[in-house]
Structures are given as structure tokens and as C-alpha cells.
Amino acid sequence: FFYQGLDSNMTKIMLDGVSLLDPSAFGAPNLNSINLNDVDRIEILTGGSATLHGSDAMSGVINIITRSITDGGVVSIEGGNDYQNRFMSYGWTTELGSFSINSSLKRDQRQSALEGTSEKDLYETDNLSLSYAHHFDNDELVIKGSLFNSYFDLDNTDFYTGKLIDATTHNLTVKQELLSVDYTINTTHRFYTTLHYSSMYLERESVDNYPALYTGKRQVFRVRNMIVPTSYSSFVFGVEKEIQEASSQWSSKDFSINSVYLNALYDYGEWGFQWGGRKDLISNVTDQNSYNISIFGTLPHSRTHVLVSTKTGFRAASPFESLDSPDLEPEYSTSYETSFTQPFSFLNLGLSFQEHHIENLIEYVFISEFSGSYTNVSGETV
């Protein structure tokens, strides 16, 4: 899909703050792996998202937040011959703290993603998450862990691009495993520290006339701090290390990203501004800097909301893209946005002007029906 006029691989899609982008593939992840019963809300972030969540979030961040019930429970069961969906969530509170457990299982083989074909695609996913919270006199401790698994069996799908094609010889299976743990300390509601670790393993296999097997791994270590000195200001800063790997039966590729970032927000009610910066040190790539500046406010008489922002970002070629194209340059983006939103009693009307300058755009170019390579496009304005 497209967000703010940019391609899907320029949007960072996250599950509880963990990126779902596959280092062994190209483009956006398949959202059929998400069970809607698990979803509590979806956050759409722009502006400072590139400095907080990674410079590759050039168009923004879509963060899917899963449920966490502290008291009571929910059970949901539905299904048929080709469809089963089970969900359970339960939470309870004791003197030791608050506990929550979520579990879901979904299996769907009702239809094919490509119209006109009789063979049905298979989507399977299961999720287990646990959380614990304990309140002290002025502090709070929160620990959350989750395990996420999915499996796809997709027909008529191109192995290298993930796009649907009208060819019965193209079949693709995808396995995904995701483990994440967060440890958060809240001190006097003014200082927050979160320690994060996540590990993702993905496996894609072509089972057609041209068999191939690719695996991808991603590990993220993060320390994030937030200070709220006043009711109208907050500062977020932290360090992060990310390791990505991709391999096939022919070759392998890996790299690491070490990052430091700072983001500040001042909101005075009618007007405010946000700014942030991020520095990324990438193995085998020149150090990169990105920033964002946003000014927002409300006009006094019309109550029109106004936003003016500019930001930069970049995306290094993934290990998968670099397997056969090791000389790919990183993508660079510079974006400008001006938007107006007018609230009414029954609806909001918005108007947005955006311009994106992309350098070294990475695209897949077919050489023949079954082969191609990734290459840089000199520049593009959207």
C-alpha cells in the first residue's frame, strides 16, 4: 500500500513497537498475519517518527497495538470448514501486581488472493503475549513479552517481488517467528525508561519450477528514555542497535545499525512545535543523519488546525536486496508538508500538500520472466 504518496517499503509497519519489515524480502509485510481480535488500536505517526522509530520510516509509522486486559476476560470462537478464529484474553490484579495473558489462533483458507483461480491460499497465525505491572508508592514497573508465529502458502505469487501474477507455476510459502520483551520503569510519572529486545526469523520458499529458499533474521536492542519536565514539554532520547541478516542457498549478507536519537515536543495548547535528530552508524555505509521539524497550531477564530513540517530520512538497501546487488546506494528522502484541518460538529475536513524528493530509489528490474536485479533510480519527486 501507499502512505503519504510514498511506496510501501518507505512506511514502517510495527507490532507493539517491533518492525515487521522482512530483511529477506522487499516491500511491506503481509498484514494477513495480524489477527484483528488481537488489535486494541492502530497508531499512525508522522513528523518525528523518522527520528524515533528509524530513519527508514520516511513516510511515517503504522504501529499496531495489541490488547491488554487488566481485569476480567474475553473469549471468542468462530469458524467453519476453511476458517477458524479463536481468541482469549484474561487479566487479574493481586497484591503482587496486575497480570494479563492473550492468546489467539487463526486459520483461513477460504479464497485465493488472485481472482479467477480455484486453488485457495492458506494463512495461519498464532500469538501469545504476557504482561505484568506493579505499582510502588511513586513508581511503576511494567514487563511485557510476546511470541508471534505465522505461516502463508500463497499461489500465483512472485518470489522476488511478492506481487500477484497469473502463473500457476509460482507458489510461495512464508514462515515468520517474532519474539519481543519490554521492561519499563516509570519514576514519579516524570521519567520513563524502557529496555527492549526483539528477535525475528523469517523463511520464504519457492515451491514452483524454480525452487529457492531465503531466510532472514533481525535483532533489535534498545534503551529509550522519556523526560516530562513540565505539562507542556517532553523529551525522548535513546540508543539502539539493530542486526539484519539474509541468506540463500547461494550467498548471505548482513549488516548492523547503531543509532542515537533525540526528540523534543513543546505543546502550549494553541501552538506548539516538535524537533528531532538521529544519527545512524551502518556497517559498510557512510554514517547518516536525519532530522524533523514541525510547527502546529490552531487559528483563533476559525479553529482550523495547521501543520507545517519538514523532515529527512534514508533507507539502506536490505540484506536481501544486496545479495545480488552489493553496490546499491541508500535511498535518501526530503519531505515537506503543509496541512489544514477544519473541525465541524459532525465531521472534519482536511487538506494536505506534500512533496517528497527521493534520491537513489531502489527498484526491482526484471531481466526476464524469472530473473531480475535491484538497481538505483537517480532521483524522483512525488
Protein backbone atom coordinates (compact mmCIF):
# COMPACT_ATOMS: atom_id res chain seq x y z
CA PHE A 1 0.00 0.00 0.00
CA PHE A 2 0.95 3.68 -0.24
CA TYR A 3 1.07 6.23 2.57
CA GLN A 4 1.59 9.96 2.07
CA GLY A 5 2.33 9.30 -1.60
CA LEU A 6 5.35 7.05 -0.96
CA ASP A 7 5.87 3.35 -1.66
CA SER A 8 5.09 0.66 0.92
CA ASN A 9 8.72 -0.11 1.75
CA MET A 10 9.14 3.52 2.93
CA THR A 11 6.46 3.07 5.62
CA LYS A 12 7.47 1.34 8.83
CA ILE A 13 4.80 -1.13 9.98
CA MET A 14 5.20 -2.21 13.59
CA LEU A 15 3.51 -4.60 16.01
CA ASP A 16 3.73 -3.26 19.58
CA GLY A 17 6.71 -1.17 18.54
CA VAL A 18 8.51 -4.00 16.70
CA SER A 19 9.14 -3.59 12.98
CA LEU A 20 7.55 -6.25 10.77
CA LEU A 21 9.67 -5.47 7.71
CA ASP A 22 11.36 -8.60 6.38
CA PRO A 23 15.15 -8.35 5.84
CA SER A 24 14.86 -11.27 3.39
CA ALA A 25 12.21 -9.67 1.18
CA PHE A 26 11.19 -6.42 -0.49
CA GLY A 27 8.23 -4.18 0.30
CA ALA A 28 5.61 -4.11 3.04
CA PRO A 29 4.80 -7.14 5.23
CA ASN A 30 1.67 -9.18 4.62
CA LEU A 31 -0.89 -7.87 7.13
CA ASN A 32 -2.93 -11.06 6.83
CA SER A 33 -0.64 -12.29 9.61
CA ILE A 34 -2.42 -9.96 12.07
CA ASN A 35 -5.47 -11.32 13.88
CA LEU A 36 -7.95 -8.46 14.27
CA ASN A 37 -9.13 -9.92 17.59
CA ASP A 38 -5.65 -9.15 18.96
CA VAL A 39 -5.77 -5.48 17.95
CA ASP A 40 -6.61 -2.83 20.53
CA ARG A 41 -5.84 0.22 18.37
CA ILE A 42 -3.71 1.39 15.45
CA GLU A 43 -1.46 4.44 15.75
CA ILE A 44 -0.48 6.36 12.61
CA LEU A 45 2.59 8.50 13.24
CA THR A 46 4.19 11.17 11.07
CA GLY A 47 6.53 14.09 11.75
CA GLY A 48 9.00 12.90 14.36
CA SER A 49 8.50 9.22 13.60
CA ALA A 50 11.66 9.03 11.48
CA THR A 51 13.93 10.06 14.34
CA LEU A 52 12.21 7.92 17.00
CA HIS A 53 11.49 4.72 15.07
CA GLY A 54 14.24 4.72 12.45
CA SER A 55 15.34 6.83 9.54
CA ASP A 56 13.77 4.30 7.14
CA ALA A 57 10.31 5.48 8.29
CA MET A 58 10.41 8.05 5.51
CA SER A 59 6.65 8.38 5.05
CA GLY A 60 5.68 7.51 8.63
CA VAL A 61 4.90 4.69 11.05
CA ILE A 62 1.86 2.45 11.41
CA ASN A 63 2.02 0.88 14.88
CA ILE A 64 -0.47 -1.91 15.67
CA ILE A 65 -1.12 -2.13 19.43
CA THR A 66 -2.40 -5.44 20.79
CA ARG A 67 -4.91 -5.88 23.59
CA SER A 68 -4.03 -5.98 27.26
CA ILE A 69 -6.90 -6.59 29.69
CA THR A 70 -6.17 -5.93 33.38
CA ASP A 71 -9.43 -7.20 34.91
CA GLY A 72 -11.88 -9.74 33.53
CA GLY A 73 -11.72 -11.82 30.40
CA VAL A 74 -12.84 -12.16 26.80
CA VAL A 75 -13.30 -15.38 24.80
CA SER A 76 -14.21 -15.50 21.10
CA ILE A 77 -14.58 -18.62 18.90
CA GLU A 78 -15.79 -18.69 15.31
CA GLY A 79 -15.15 -20.80 12.24
CA GLY A 80 -16.19 -23.30 9.60
CA ASN A 81 -14.64 -25.79 7.18
CA ASP A 82 -11.95 -23.45 5.84
CA TYR A 83 -11.85 -20.83 8.59
CA GLN A 84 -11.14 -20.94 12.33
CA ASN A 85 -10.54 -18.00 14.63
CA ARG A 86 -10.06 -18.36 18.39
CA PHE A 87 -9.15 -15.60 20.83
CA MET A 88 -8.78 -15.47 24.62
CA SER A 89 -7.72 -12.61 26.87
CA TYR A 90 -7.74 -12.55 30.65
CA GLY A 91 -6.40 -10.18 33.28
CA TRP A 92 -6.38 -10.11 37.06
CA THR A 93 -4.97 -7.98 39.87
CA THR A 94 -3.43 -9.12 43.15
CA GLU A 95 -1.25 -7.59 45.84
CA LEU A 96 1.76 -8.59 43.74
CA GLY A 97 0.56 -6.56 40.74
CA SER A 98 -1.55 -6.79 37.58
CA PHE A 99 -1.28 -9.72 35.20
CA SER A 100 -2.58 -10.15 31.65
CA ILE A 101 -2.47 -13.01 29.13
CA ASN A 102 -3.60 -13.01 25.49
CA SER A 103 -3.77 -15.98 23.15
CA SER A 104 -5.11 -16.24 19.61
CA LEU A 105 -5.13 -18.70 16.71
CA LYS A 106 -6.37 -18.03 13.20
CA ARG A 107 -6.52 -20.28 10.12
CA ASP A 108 -8.02 -19.03 6.85
CA GLN A 109 -8.16 -20.96 3.56
CA ARG A 110 -11.35 -19.59 2.04
CA GLN A 111 -10.13 -17.94 -1.14
CA SER A 112 -7.23 -17.06 -3.40
CA ALA A 113 -5.72 -13.59 -3.46
CA LEU A 114 -5.80 -13.77 -7.28
CA GLU A 115 -9.28 -13.74 -8.81
CA GLY A 116 -10.27 -16.48 -11.22
CA THR A 117 -8.16 -19.23 -9.63
CA SER A 118 -9.62 -22.28 -7.90
CA GLU A 119 -6.71 -23.13 -5.58
CA LYS A 120 -7.05 -21.43 -2.20
CA ASP A 121 -4.29 -19.65 -0.28
CA LEU A 122 -3.56 -20.60 3.33
CA TYR A 123 -2.99 -18.11 6.18
CA GLU A 124 -2.18 -19.33 9.68
CA THR A 125 -1.17 -17.21 12.65
CA ASP A 126 -0.98 -17.61 16.42
CA ASN A 127 0.02 -15.16 19.12
CA LEU A 128 0.78 -15.41 22.84
CA SER A 129 1.53 -12.37 25.00
CA LEU A 130 2.05 -11.91 28.74
CA SER A 131 2.30 -8.70 30.73
CA TYR A 132 2.91 -7.79 34.36
CA ALA A 133 2.63 -4.40 36.07
CA HIS A 134 3.41 -3.44 39.65
CA HIS A 135 2.77 -0.06 41.25
CA PHE A 136 5.05 1.19 44.00
CA ASP A 137 4.49 4.38 46.02
CA ASN A 138 5.52 6.70 43.20
CA ASP A 139 6.92 4.31 40.62
CA GLU A 140 5.59 1.71 38.21
CA LEU A 141 7.22 -1.37 36.71
CA VAL A 142 5.84 -2.97 33.51
CA ILE A 143 7.16 -6.14 31.86
CA LYS A 144 5.64 -7.41 28.61
CA GLY A 145 6.61 -10.28 26.36
CA SER A 146 5.04 -11.71 23.21
CA LEU A 147 5.56 -14.62 20.82
CA PHE A 148 4.12 -14.35 17.31
CA ASN A 149 4.10 -17.02 14.58
CA SER A 150 2.60 -17.04 11.10
CA TYR A 151 2.61 -19.27 8.02
CA PHE A 152 1.43 -18.48 4.48
CA ASP A 153 1.01 -20.72 1.45
CA LEU A 154 0.43 -18.36 -1.48
CA ASP A 155 -0.20 -19.38 -5.07
CA ASN A 156 0.37 -17.17 -8.12
CA THR A 157 2.87 -15.05 -6.18
CA ASP A 158 6.23 -13.89 -7.48
CA PHE A 159 9.07 -14.94 -5.19
CA TYR A 160 11.24 -11.83 -5.58
CA THR A 161 8.64 -9.04 -5.50
CA GLY A 162 5.78 -10.68 -3.58
CA LYS A 163 3.31 -9.45 -6.24
CA LEU A 164 0.43 -11.47 -7.65
CA ILE A 165 0.99 -12.86 -11.14
CA ASP A 166 -1.18 -15.02 -13.38
CA ALA A 167 1.10 -18.05 -13.45
CA THR A 168 0.17 -21.35 -11.79
CA THR A 169 3.84 -22.39 -11.58
CA HIS A 170 4.57 -19.67 -8.96
CA ASN A 171 3.89 -20.80 -5.39
CA LEU A 172 5.36 -19.20 -2.29
CA THR A 173 5.41 -20.27 1.37
CA VAL A 174 6.35 -17.85 4.16
CA LYS A 175 7.12 -18.65 7.82
CA GLN A 176 7.58 -15.94 10.43
CA GLU A 177 8.54 -16.05 14.12
CA LEU A 178 8.72 -12.97 16.34
CA LEU A 179 9.76 -12.69 19.99
CA SER A 180 9.79 -9.38 21.88
CA VAL A 181 10.34 -8.34 25.51
CA ASP A 182 9.88 -4.87 27.04
CA TYR A 183 10.90 -3.77 30.54
CA THR A 184 9.61 -0.31 31.51
CA ILE A 185 10.23 1.72 34.67
CA ASN A 186 8.10 4.80 35.35
CA THR A 187 9.54 7.05 38.07
CA THR A 188 7.18 9.65 39.60
CA HIS A 189 5.42 9.98 36.21
CA ARG A 190 8.21 12.29 35.05
CA PHE A 191 10.88 9.87 33.88
CA TYR A 192 10.35 6.68 31.87
CA THR A 193 12.94 4.11 30.84
CA THR A 194 12.22 1.18 28.52
CA LEU A 195 14.59 -1.68 27.77
CA HIS A 196 13.61 -3.57 24.62
CA TYR A 197 14.77 -6.72 22.87
CA SER A 198 13.16 -8.35 19.86
CA SER A 199 14.16 -11.15 17.53
CA MET A 200 12.53 -12.05 14.21
CA TYR A 201 13.14 -15.06 11.99
CA LEU A 202 11.61 -15.41 8.52
CA GLU A 203 11.74 -18.11 5.91
CA ARG A 204 10.49 -17.81 2.33
CA GLU A 205 10.49 -20.78 -0.01
CA SER A 206 9.54 -21.01 -3.66
CA VAL A 207 7.96 -24.37 -4.48
CA ASP A 208 7.47 -23.86 -8.20
CA ASN A 209 9.56 -24.81 -11.22
CA TYR A 210 12.37 -22.55 -9.94
CA PRO A 211 12.89 -23.60 -6.29
CA ALA A 212 14.61 -21.18 -3.92
CA LEU A 213 14.89 -20.73 -0.16
CA TYR A 214 15.65 -17.43 1.59
CA THR A 215 15.91 -16.82 5.33
CA GLY A 216 16.06 -13.53 7.20
CA LYS A 217 16.88 -12.54 10.77
CA ARG A 218 16.57 -9.28 12.68
CA GLN A 219 17.57 -8.47 16.25
CA VAL A 220 16.96 -5.13 17.97
CA PHE A 221 18.36 -3.89 21.30
CA ARG A 222 17.01 -0.55 22.51
CA VAL A 223 17.18 1.74 25.54
CA ARG A 224 14.66 4.59 25.36
CA ASN A 225 14.15 7.33 27.94
CA MET A 226 11.44 9.97 28.21
CA ILE A 227 11.52 13.02 30.48
CA VAL A 228 8.39 15.11 31.11
CA PRO A 229 9.72 18.20 32.94
CA THR A 230 6.51 20.25 32.54
CA SER A 231 2.92 19.74 31.44
CA TYR A 232 3.69 21.21 28.01
CA SER A 233 7.06 19.65 27.16
CA SER A 234 8.67 16.24 26.82
CA PHE A 235 12.00 14.85 25.63
CA VAL A 236 12.68 11.37 24.25
CA PHE A 237 16.23 10.12 23.76
CA GLY A 238 17.89 6.76 23.44
CA VAL A 239 20.30 4.37 21.79
CA GLU A 240 19.56 1.38 19.57
CA LYS A 241 21.39 -1.47 17.87
CA GLU A 242 19.86 -3.46 15.02
CA ILE A 243 21.33 -6.51 13.28
CA GLN A 244 19.89 -7.76 9.98
CA GLU A 245 20.78 -10.93 8.08
CA ALA A 246 19.61 -12.58 4.85
CA SER A 247 20.82 -15.78 3.25
CA SER A 248 20.02 -18.10 0.38
CA GLN A 249 21.50 -21.34 -0.91
CA TRP A 250 23.87 -19.21 -2.99
CA SER A 251 25.03 -16.36 -0.74
CA SER A 252 24.46 -14.42 2.51
CA LYS A 253 24.55 -10.80 3.63
CA ASP A 254 24.35 -9.00 6.98
CA PHE A 255 24.88 -5.55 8.47
CA SER A 256 24.33 -3.70 11.73
CA ILE A 257 22.97 -0.24 12.58
CA ASN A 258 24.00 1.65 15.73
CA SER A 259 21.80 4.67 16.42
CA VAL A 260 21.39 7.56 18.83
CA TYR A 261 18.40 9.91 18.73
CA LEU A 262 16.70 12.83 20.46
CA ASN A 263 13.19 14.20 20.04
CA ALA A 264 11.62 17.21 21.80
CA LEU A 265 7.98 18.31 21.93
CA TYR A 266 6.57 21.62 23.17
CA ASP A 267 2.77 21.93 23.19
CA TYR A 268 1.41 25.21 24.55
CA GLY A 269 -2.22 24.40 23.77
CA GLU A 270 -2.95 26.69 20.83
CA TRP A 271 0.50 26.31 19.28
CA GLY A 272 3.49 24.03 19.56
CA PHE A 273 6.49 22.60 17.78
CA GLN A 274 8.46 19.39 17.59
CA TRP A 275 12.03 18.75 16.53
CA GLY A 276 14.30 15.75 16.49
CA GLY A 277 17.54 14.35 15.19
CA ARG A 278 19.03 10.91 14.66
CA LYS A 279 22.48 9.60 13.81
CA ASP A 280 22.92 6.11 12.36
CA LEU A 281 26.22 4.27 12.01
CA ILE A 282 25.76 1.49 9.47
CA SER A 283 28.37 -1.12 8.69
CA ASN A 284 29.75 -0.76 5.15
CA VAL A 285 27.78 2.50 4.65
CA THR A 286 28.70 6.12 5.40
CA ASP A 287 27.26 7.47 8.67
CA GLN A 288 23.85 9.05 8.14
CA ASN A 289 21.97 11.92 9.85
CA SER A 290 18.25 12.68 9.72
CA TYR A 291 16.07 15.35 11.30
CA ASN A 292 12.49 16.59 11.57
CA ILE A 293 10.94 19.97 12.38
CA SER A 294 7.19 20.51 12.83
CA ILE A 295 5.13 23.57 13.79
CA PHE A 296 1.45 23.09 14.57
CA GLY A 297 -1.37 25.16 15.98
CA THR A 298 -4.99 26.29 15.85
CA LEU A 299 -6.21 29.54 14.28
CA PRO A 300 -8.08 31.53 16.95
CA HIS A 301 -11.35 32.36 15.16
CA SER A 302 -11.93 29.57 12.64
CA ARG A 303 -10.45 26.81 14.89
CA THR A 304 -8.59 25.49 11.87
CA HIS A 305 -5.69 23.17 12.72
CA VAL A 306 -2.48 23.96 10.82
CA LEU A 307 0.67 21.85 10.44
CA VAL A 308 3.91 22.78 8.68
CA SER A 309 6.77 20.29 8.72
CA THR A 310 9.95 19.18 7.00
CA LYS A 311 11.95 16.02 7.55
CA THR A 312 14.70 13.90 6.06
CA GLY A 313 15.25 10.16 6.06
CA PHE A 314 17.14 7.37 4.40
CA ARG A 315 16.89 3.65 3.89
CA ALA A 316 19.91 1.43 3.37
CA ALA A 317 19.47 -1.49 0.99
CA SER A 318 18.23 -4.53 2.91
CA PRO A 319 20.40 -7.66 3.07
CA PHE A 320 18.01 -9.34 0.62
CA GLU A 321 18.36 -6.52 -1.92
CA SER A 322 22.14 -6.59 -1.52
CA LEU A 323 22.54 -10.34 -2.09
CA ASP A 324 22.76 -9.96 -5.87
CA SER A 325 23.30 -6.17 -5.99
CA PRO A 326 26.07 -5.37 -3.47
CA ASP A 327 26.73 -1.86 -4.85
CA LEU A 328 23.29 -0.40 -4.08
CA GLU A 329 23.34 3.11 -2.60
CA PRO A 330 20.98 4.09 0.26
CA GLU A 331 17.73 5.86 -0.56
CA TYR A 332 17.52 9.47 0.64
CA SER A 333 14.35 11.48 1.14
CA THR A 334 13.49 15.10 1.93
CA SER A 335 9.83 15.83 2.61
CA TYR A 336 7.73 18.97 3.05
CA GLU A 337 4.15 19.07 4.28
CA THR A 338 1.51 21.75 4.90
CA SER A 339 -1.92 20.63 6.07
CA PHE A 340 -5.17 22.23 7.23
CA THR A 341 -7.97 20.52 9.16
CA GLN A 342 -11.31 22.20 9.80
CA PRO A 343 -13.47 20.60 12.53
CA PHE A 344 -17.27 20.69 12.32
CA SER A 345 -19.87 19.35 14.69
CA PHE A 346 -20.31 16.13 12.70
CA LEU A 347 -17.11 15.75 10.67
CA ASN A 348 -13.59 17.04 10.00
CA LEU A 349 -12.42 18.26 6.61
CA GLY A 350 -8.72 18.21 5.77
CA LEU A 351 -6.44 19.44 3.01
CA SER A 352 -2.79 18.45 2.77
CA PHE A 353 0.06 19.48 0.44
CA GLN A 354 3.07 17.17 0.38
CA GLU A 355 6.26 17.00 -1.64
CA HIS A 356 8.86 14.25 -1.41
CA HIS A 357 12.29 14.25 -3.05
CA ILE A 358 13.77 10.75 -3.31
CA GLU A 359 17.35 10.07 -4.37
CA ASN A 360 18.76 6.64 -5.27
CA LEU A 361 15.34 5.00 -5.25
CA ILE A 362 15.75 1.20 -5.10
CA GLU A 363 13.61 -0.71 -7.61
CA TYR A 364 13.47 -4.27 -8.89
CA VAL A 365 14.01 -4.51 -12.65
CA PHE A 366 13.02 -7.69 -14.48
CA ILE A 367 15.61 -9.01 -16.92
CA SER A 368 13.39 -11.92 -17.96
CA GLU A 369 10.18 -13.50 -16.68
CA PHE A 370 12.01 -15.31 -13.89
CA SER A 371 15.05 -13.15 -13.17
CA GLY A 372 15.98 -9.56 -12.41
CA SER A 373 18.01 -7.38 -10.07
CA TYR A 374 17.68 -4.35 -7.83
CA THR A 375 19.03 -1.03 -9.03
CA ASN A 376 19.10 2.64 -8.00
CA VAL A 377 17.00 5.20 -9.83
CA SER A 378 18.79 8.56 -9.88
CA GLY A 379 16.00 10.70 -8.42
CA GLU A 380 12.26 11.13 -8.11
CA THR A 381 9.88 13.83 -6.87
CA VAL A 382 6.42 12.88 -5.61
